């Protein structure tokens, strides 16, 4: 997504990616598991909000 990049904290990114793997591709920050929570989740795609901070605004 334009204007965003992966969080520069590589250790944090690996923890989030591990969570995504454990939840079969779904955002680890979401309680629900449905088509809207597949990473990148619909809220990030539509609104630019990444609740787990995997994606952050470019500086």
PDB file of N, CA and C in Angstrom:
ATOM      1  N   UNK A   1       0.855  -1.174   0.000  1.00  0.00           N
ATOM      2  CA  UNK A   1       0.000   0.000   0.000  1.00  0.00           C
ATOM      3  C   UNK A   1       0.894   1.228   0.000  1.00  0.00           C
ATOM      4  N   UNK A   2       0.580   2.177  -0.840  1.00  0.00           N
ATOM      5  CA  UNK A   2       1.387   3.388  -0.947  1.00  0.00           C
ATOM      6  C   UNK A   2       1.395   4.163   0.359  1.00  0.00           C
ATOM      7  N   UNK A   3       2.561   4.681   0.706  1.00  0.00           N
ATOM      8  CA  UNK A   3       2.689   5.495   1.895  1.00  0.00           C
ATOM      9  C   UNK A   3       2.957   4.706   3.166  1.00  0.00           C
ATOM     10  N   UNK A   4       3.069   3.369   3.053  1.00  0.00           N
ATOM     11  CA  UNK A   4       3.313   2.521   4.217  1.00  0.00           C
ATOM     12  C   UNK A   4       4.482   1.586   3.947  1.00  0.00           C
ATOM     13  N   UNK A   5       5.133   1.154   5.007  1.00  0.00           N
ATOM     14  CA  UNK A   5       6.210   0.178   4.910  1.00  0.00           C
ATOM     15  C   UNK A   5       6.129  -0.738   6.129  1.00  0.00           C
ATOM     16  N   UNK A   6       6.908  -1.800   6.117  1.00  0.00           N
ATOM     17  CA  UNK A   6       6.969  -2.667   7.280  1.00  0.00           C
ATOM     18  C   UNK A   6       7.593  -1.909   8.448  1.00  0.00           C
ATOM     19  N   UNK A   7       7.169  -2.207   9.622  1.00  0.00           N
ATOM     20  CA  UNK A   7       7.737  -1.637  10.828  1.00  0.00           C
ATOM     21  C   UNK A   7       9.246  -1.876  10.794  1.00  0.00           C
ATOM     22  N   UNK A   8      10.065  -0.872  11.082  1.00  0.00           N
ATOM     23  CA  UNK A   8      11.518  -1.050  11.016  1.00  0.00           C
ATOM     24  C   UNK A   8      12.083  -1.936  12.135  1.00  0.00           C
ATOM     25  N   UNK A   9      11.299  -2.227  13.167  1.00  0.00           N
ATOM     26  CA  UNK A   9      11.739  -3.078  14.270  1.00  0.00           C
ATOM     27  C   UNK A   9      11.608  -4.545  13.837  1.00  0.00           C
ATOM     28  N   UNK A  10      12.711  -5.115  13.383  1.00  0.00           N
ATOM     29  CA  UNK A  10      12.685  -6.461  12.804  1.00  0.00           C
ATOM     30  C   UNK A  10      12.246  -7.524  13.814  1.00  0.00           C
ATOM     31  N   UNK A  11      12.631  -7.386  15.066  1.00  0.00           N
ATOM     32  CA  UNK A  11      12.226  -8.347  16.092  1.00  0.00           C
ATOM     33  C   UNK A  11      10.708  -8.312  16.286  1.00  0.00           C
ATOM     34  N   UNK A  12      10.148  -7.111  16.321  1.00  0.00           N
ATOM     35  CA  UNK A  12       8.701  -6.954  16.458  1.00  0.00           C
ATOM     36  C   UNK A  12       7.981  -7.547  15.247  1.00  0.00           C
ATOM     37  N   UNK A  13       8.480  -7.256  14.063  1.00  0.00           N
ATOM     38  CA  UNK A  13       7.883  -7.777  12.833  1.00  0.00           C
ATOM     39  C   UNK A  13       7.865  -9.303  12.857  1.00  0.00           C
ATOM     40  N   UNK A  14       8.943  -9.926  13.304  1.00  0.00           N
ATOM     41  CA  UNK A  14       8.996 -11.390  13.351  1.00  0.00           C
ATOM     42  C   UNK A  14       7.945 -11.943  14.314  1.00  0.00           C
ATOM     43  N   UNK A  15       7.712 -11.276  15.437  1.00  0.00           N
ATOM     44  CA  UNK A  15       6.678 -11.725  16.385  1.00  0.00           C
ATOM     45  C   UNK A  15       5.297 -11.650  15.744  1.00  0.00           C
ATOM     46  N   UNK A  16       5.023 -10.562  15.025  1.00  0.00           N
ATOM     47  CA  UNK A  16       3.726 -10.408  14.367  1.00  0.00           C
ATOM     48  C   UNK A  16       3.571 -11.446  13.264  1.00  0.00           C
ATOM     49  N   UNK A  17       4.621 -11.654  12.478  1.00  0.00           N
ATOM     50  CA  UNK A  17       4.569 -12.637  11.395  1.00  0.00           C
ATOM     51  C   UNK A  17       4.334 -14.037  11.968  1.00  0.00           C
ATOM     52  N   UNK A  18       4.957 -14.359  13.087  1.00  0.00           N
ATOM     53  CA  UNK A  18       4.721 -15.653  13.736  1.00  0.00           C
ATOM     54  C   UNK A  18       3.257 -15.774  14.163  1.00  0.00           C
ATOM     55  N   UNK A  19       2.678 -14.682  14.673  1.00  0.00           N
ATOM     56  CA  UNK A  19       1.265 -14.681  15.051  1.00  0.00           C
ATOM     57  C   UNK A  19       0.358 -14.887  13.856  1.00  0.00           C
ATOM     58  N   UNK A  20       0.702 -14.261  12.747  1.00  0.00           N
ATOM     59  CA  UNK A  20      -0.068 -14.433  11.510  1.00  0.00           C
ATOM     60  C   UNK A  20      -0.001 -15.893  11.064  1.00  0.00           C
ATOM     61  N   UNK A  21       1.173 -16.482  11.157  1.00  0.00           N
ATOM     62  CA  UNK A  21       1.339 -17.888  10.786  1.00  0.00           C
ATOM     63  C   UNK A  21       0.474 -18.788  11.672  1.00  0.00           C
ATOM     64  N   UNK A  22       0.500 -18.533  12.984  1.00  0.00           N
ATOM     65  CA  UNK A  22      -0.286 -19.352  13.920  1.00  0.00           C
ATOM     66  C   UNK A  22      -1.786 -19.222  13.683  1.00  0.00           C
ATOM     67  N   UNK A  23      -2.213 -18.067  13.154  1.00  0.00           N
ATOM     68  CA  UNK A  23      -3.644 -17.857  12.906  1.00  0.00           C
ATOM     69  C   UNK A  23      -3.999 -18.080  11.433  1.00  0.00           C
ATOM     70  N   UNK A  24      -3.176 -18.845  10.740  1.00  0.00           N
ATOM     71  CA  UNK A  24      -3.430 -19.209   9.335  1.00  0.00           C
ATOM     72  C   UNK A  24      -3.636 -18.001   8.427  1.00  0.00           C
ATOM     73  N   UNK A  25      -2.817 -16.972   8.606  1.00  0.00           N
ATOM     74  CA  UNK A  25      -2.852 -15.816   7.715  1.00  0.00           C
ATOM     75  C   UNK A  25      -3.712 -14.658   8.197  1.00  0.00           C
ATOM     76  N   UNK A  26      -4.339 -14.832   9.337  1.00  0.00           N
ATOM     77  CA  UNK A  26      -5.203 -13.772   9.874  1.00  0.00           C
ATOM     78  C   UNK A  26      -4.426 -12.879  10.834  1.00  0.00           C
ATOM     79  N   UNK A  27      -4.849 -11.645  10.948  1.00  0.00           N
ATOM     80  CA  UNK A  27      -4.217 -10.673  11.835  1.00  0.00           C
ATOM     81  C   UNK A  27      -4.219 -11.202  13.268  1.00  0.00           C
ATOM     82  N   UNK A  28      -3.051 -11.230  13.930  1.00  0.00           N
ATOM     83  CA  UNK A  28      -2.996 -11.739  15.292  1.00  0.00           C
ATOM     84  C   UNK A  28      -3.644 -10.802  16.307  1.00  0.00           C
ATOM     85  N   UNK A  29      -3.932  -9.603  15.928  1.00  0.00           N
ATOM     86  CA  UNK A  29      -4.524  -8.622  16.842  1.00  0.00           C
ATOM     87  C   UNK A  29      -6.051  -8.685  16.860  1.00  0.00           C
ATOM     88  N   UNK A  30      -6.623  -9.469  15.977  1.00  0.00           N
ATOM     89  CA  UNK A  30      -8.078  -9.563  15.863  1.00  0.00           C
ATOM     90  C   UNK A  30      -8.604 -10.815  16.553  1.00  0.00           C
ATOM     91  N   UNK A  31      -9.699 -10.665  17.263  1.00  0.00           N
ATOM     92  CA  UNK A  31     -10.319 -11.816  17.914  1.00  0.00           C
ATOM     93  C   UNK A  31     -11.093 -12.661  16.916  1.00  0.00           C
ATOM     94  N   UNK A  32     -11.772 -11.995  15.989  1.00  0.00           N
ATOM     95  CA  UNK A  32     -12.542 -12.728  14.994  1.00  0.00           C
ATOM     96  C   UNK A  32     -11.617 -13.257  13.905  1.00  0.00           C
ATOM     97  N   UNK A  33     -12.023 -14.326  13.281  1.00  0.00           N
ATOM     98  CA  UNK A  33     -11.269 -14.909  12.175  1.00  0.00           C
ATOM     99  C   UNK A  33     -12.249 -15.095  11.027  1.00  0.00           C
ATOM    100  N   UNK A  34     -12.150 -14.207  10.038  1.00  0.00           N
ATOM    101  CA  UNK A  34     -12.994 -14.302   8.851  1.00  0.00           C
ATOM    102  C   UNK A  34     -12.254 -13.663   7.683  1.00  0.00           C
ATOM    103  N   UNK A  35     -12.917 -13.542   6.556  1.00  0.00           N
ATOM    104  CA  UNK A  35     -12.263 -13.003   5.358  1.00  0.00           C
ATOM    105  C   UNK A  35     -11.758 -11.574   5.542  1.00  0.00           C
ATOM    106  N   UNK A  36     -12.330 -10.820   6.456  1.00  0.00           N
ATOM    107  CA  UNK A  36     -11.922  -9.429   6.646  1.00  0.00           C
ATOM    108  C   UNK A  36     -10.658  -9.295   7.479  1.00  0.00           C
ATOM    109  N   UNK A  37     -10.228 -10.386   8.125  1.00  0.00           N
ATOM    110  CA  UNK A  37      -9.052 -10.299   8.989  1.00  0.00           C
ATOM    111  C   UNK A  37      -7.809 -10.960   8.398  1.00  0.00           C
ATOM    112  N   UNK A  38      -7.880 -11.397   7.135  1.00  0.00           N
ATOM    113  CA  UNK A  38      -6.681 -11.907   6.481  1.00  0.00           C
ATOM    114  C   UNK A  38      -5.693 -10.760   6.306  1.00  0.00           C
ATOM    115  N   UNK A  39      -4.443 -11.001   6.632  1.00  0.00           N
ATOM    116  CA  UNK A  39      -3.417  -9.955   6.561  1.00  0.00           C
ATOM    117  C   UNK A  39      -3.004  -9.728   5.106  1.00  0.00           C
ATOM    118  N   UNK A  40      -2.966  -8.491   4.647  1.00  0.00           N
ATOM    119  CA  UNK A  40      -3.369  -7.284   5.350  1.00  0.00           C
ATOM    120  C   UNK A  40      -4.894  -7.217   5.467  1.00  0.00           C
ATOM    121  N   UNK A  41      -5.349  -6.880   6.644  1.00  0.00           N
ATOM    122  CA  UNK A  41      -6.791  -6.889   6.924  1.00  0.00           C
ATOM    123  C   UNK A  41      -7.526  -5.794   6.154  1.00  0.00           C
ATOM    124  N   UNK A  42      -8.829  -5.954   6.062  1.00  0.00           N
ATOM    125  CA  UNK A  42      -9.656  -4.986   5.325  1.00  0.00           C
ATOM    126  C   UNK A  42      -9.546  -3.570   5.899  1.00  0.00           C
ATOM    127  N   UNK A  43      -9.442  -3.455   7.223  1.00  0.00           N
ATOM    128  CA  UNK A  43      -9.351  -2.122   7.823  1.00  0.00           C
ATOM    129  C   UNK A  43      -8.082  -1.417   7.351  1.00  0.00           C
ATOM    130  N   UNK A  44      -6.983  -2.140   7.233  1.00  0.00           N
ATOM    131  CA  UNK A  44      -5.753  -1.521   6.739  1.00  0.00           C
ATOM    132  C   UNK A  44      -5.888  -1.152   5.266  1.00  0.00           C
ATOM    133  N   UNK A  45      -6.438  -2.048   4.474  1.00  0.00           N
ATOM    134  CA  UNK A  45      -6.579  -1.803   3.039  1.00  0.00           C
ATOM    135  C   UNK A  45      -7.500  -0.607   2.776  1.00  0.00           C
ATOM    136  N   UNK A  46      -8.611  -0.522   3.507  1.00  0.00           N
ATOM    137  CA  UNK A  46      -9.597   0.532   3.265  1.00  0.00           C
ATOM    138  C   UNK A  46      -9.294   1.833   3.973  1.00  0.00           C
ATOM    139  N   UNK A  47      -8.765   1.754   5.210  1.00  0.00           N
ATOM    140  CA  UNK A  47      -8.596   2.953   6.031  1.00  0.00           C
ATOM    141  C   UNK A  47      -7.149   3.292   6.373  1.00  0.00           C
ATOM    142  N   UNK A  48      -6.216   2.395   6.053  1.00  0.00           N
ATOM    143  CA  UNK A  48      -4.825   2.640   6.382  1.00  0.00           C
ATOM    144  C   UNK A  48      -4.513   2.465   7.859  1.00  0.00           C
ATOM    145  N   UNK A  49      -5.337   1.679   8.570  1.00  0.00           N
ATOM    146  CA  UNK A  49      -5.137   1.452  10.001  1.00  0.00           C
ATOM    147  C   UNK A  49      -4.645   0.024  10.219  1.00  0.00           C
ATOM    148  N   UNK A  50      -3.411  -0.120  10.678  1.00  0.00           N
ATOM    149  CA  UNK A  50      -2.847  -1.428  11.004  1.00  0.00           C
ATOM    150  C   UNK A  50      -2.741  -1.494  12.520  1.00  0.00           C
ATOM    151  N   UNK A  51      -3.686  -2.184  13.139  1.00  0.00           N
ATOM    152  CA  UNK A  51      -3.758  -2.232  14.601  1.00  0.00           C
ATOM    153  C   UNK A  51      -2.540  -2.902  15.232  1.00  0.00           C
ATOM    154  N   UNK A  52      -1.928  -3.837  14.553  1.00  0.00           N
ATOM    155  CA  UNK A  52      -0.768  -4.517  15.147  1.00  0.00           C
ATOM    156  C   UNK A  52       0.553  -3.807  14.812  1.00  0.00           C
ATOM    157  N   UNK A  53       0.506  -2.746  14.043  1.00  0.00           N
ATOM    158  CA  UNK A  53       1.687  -1.964  13.658  1.00  0.00           C
ATOM    159  C   UNK A  53       2.705  -2.750  12.847  1.00  0.00           C
ATOM    160  N   UNK A  54       2.237  -3.736  12.113  1.00  0.00           N
ATOM    161  CA  UNK A  54       3.124  -4.413  11.179  1.00  0.00           C
ATOM    162  C   UNK A  54       3.478  -3.440  10.055  1.00  0.00           C
ATOM    163  N   UNK A  55       2.477  -2.699   9.615  1.00  0.00           N
ATOM    164  CA  UNK A  55       2.669  -1.671   8.588  1.00  0.00           C
ATOM    165  C   UNK A  55       2.575  -0.309   9.250  1.00  0.00           C
ATOM    166  N   UNK A  56       3.539   0.544   8.972  1.00  0.00           N
ATOM    167  CA  UNK A  56       3.575   1.882   9.545  1.00  0.00           C
ATOM    168  C   UNK A  56       3.726   2.903   8.420  1.00  0.00           C
ATOM    169  N   UNK A  57       3.288   4.144   8.657  1.00  0.00           N
ATOM    170  CA  UNK A  57       3.457   5.172   7.629  1.00  0.00           C
ATOM    171  C   UNK A  57       4.927   5.424   7.330  1.00  0.00           C
ATOM    172  N   UNK A  58       5.240   5.643   6.067  1.00  0.00           N
ATOM    173  CA  UNK A  58       6.608   6.004   5.687  1.00  0.00           C
ATOM    174  C   UNK A  58       6.918   7.383   6.232  1.00  0.00           C
ATOM    175  N   UNK A  59       8.157   7.558   6.615  1.00  0.00           N
ATOM    176  CA  UNK A  59       8.585   8.873   7.135  1.00  0.00           C
ATOM    177  C   UNK A  59       9.194   9.710   6.052  1.00  0.00           C
TER     178      UNK A  59
END
